[in-house]
């Protein structure tokens, strides 16, 4: 079976997000001060061939933990759908 994964990787909430702070400052300069707590992350989409959904989830988890996300500084979540 083929599955499509949409993975969101974000900085941990406990850590400062310098990119988010820079964007938030820029928004304030555009007089958009009602927008706050900006966090900048990554979105990754990929397809995986797997025998079933459980196998697909295991492969995605491994990819995220071992390569796509730096778990010291980032968290991840994903959605999986059959293609």
Protein backbone atom coordinates (compact mmCIF):
# COMPACT_ATOMS: atom_id res chain seq x y z
CA UNK A 1 0.00 0.00 0.00
CA UNK A 2 1.05 3.58 -0.54
CA UNK A 3 0.55 6.30 2.05
CA UNK A 4 1.12 10.05 2.05
CA UNK A 5 2.54 11.66 5.19
CA UNK A 6 2.40 15.35 6.07
CA UNK A 7 4.93 16.07 8.80
CA UNK A 8 5.09 19.28 10.84
CA UNK A 9 8.32 19.99 12.71
CA UNK A 10 8.38 22.86 15.21
CA UNK A 11 10.84 24.24 17.75
CA UNK A 12 10.13 23.02 21.27
CA UNK A 13 7.83 25.43 23.13
CA UNK A 14 10.42 25.83 25.89
CA UNK A 15 13.05 27.17 23.46
CA UNK A 16 13.45 30.63 22.01
CA UNK A 17 12.56 30.81 18.32
CA UNK A 18 14.77 33.58 16.83
CA UNK A 19 13.15 33.33 13.38
CA UNK A 20 9.70 33.61 14.92
CA UNK A 21 10.78 36.64 16.96
CA UNK A 22 12.19 38.33 13.85
CA UNK A 23 8.95 37.75 11.93
CA UNK A 24 6.89 38.95 14.89
CA UNK A 25 8.96 42.15 15.00
CA UNK A 26 8.44 42.64 11.26
CA UNK A 27 4.69 42.20 11.68
CA UNK A 28 4.65 44.86 14.39
CA UNK A 29 6.51 47.20 11.98
CA UNK A 30 3.66 46.58 9.52
CA UNK A 31 1.24 47.68 12.24
CA UNK A 32 0.00 44.12 12.74
CA UNK A 33 0.62 44.09 16.48
CA UNK A 34 -2.41 41.85 17.12
CA UNK A 35 -0.38 38.94 15.70
CA UNK A 36 1.90 37.38 18.31
CA UNK A 37 3.71 34.24 19.47
CA UNK A 38 5.03 33.51 15.98
CA UNK A 39 6.82 30.15 15.66
CA UNK A 40 8.63 29.10 12.48
CA UNK A 41 8.86 25.41 11.59
CA UNK A 42 9.11 23.01 8.67
CA UNK A 43 6.50 21.04 6.75
CA UNK A 44 7.57 17.90 4.94
CA UNK A 45 5.39 15.72 2.73
CA UNK A 46 6.42 12.30 1.50
CA UNK A 47 5.03 9.01 0.28
CA UNK A 48 5.78 5.65 1.84
CA UNK A 49 5.22 2.12 0.56
CA UNK A 50 4.18 -0.11 3.46
CA UNK A 51 2.31 -3.33 4.08
CA UNK A 52 -0.25 -1.54 6.28
CA UNK A 53 -0.84 1.68 8.22
CA UNK A 54 1.04 0.42 11.27
CA UNK A 55 4.15 -0.26 9.17
CA UNK A 56 3.83 3.17 7.50
CA UNK A 57 3.62 4.87 10.91
CA UNK A 58 6.68 2.97 12.13
CA UNK A 59 8.69 4.11 9.10
CA UNK A 60 7.58 7.74 9.49
CA UNK A 61 8.39 7.70 13.22
CA UNK A 62 11.87 6.33 12.50
CA UNK A 63 12.51 8.92 9.76
CA UNK A 64 11.43 11.76 12.03
CA UNK A 65 13.36 10.59 15.08
CA UNK A 66 16.57 9.66 13.26
CA UNK A 67 16.80 12.28 10.50
CA UNK A 68 14.04 14.81 9.92
CA UNK A 69 13.68 16.33 13.41
CA UNK A 70 16.35 17.25 15.93
CA UNK A 71 14.57 16.00 19.05
CA UNK A 72 16.79 18.06 21.34
CA UNK A 73 15.30 21.24 19.86
CA UNK A 74 12.23 20.20 17.83
CA UNK A 75 9.00 18.27 18.13
CA UNK A 76 7.08 16.64 15.31
CA UNK A 77 3.58 15.50 14.48
CA UNK A 78 2.22 13.98 11.32
CA UNK A 79 -0.92 12.97 9.47
CA UNK A 80 -1.03 9.84 7.36
CA UNK A 81 -3.48 9.00 4.61
CA UNK A 82 -3.78 6.15 2.13
CA UNK A 83 -3.11 7.16 -1.47
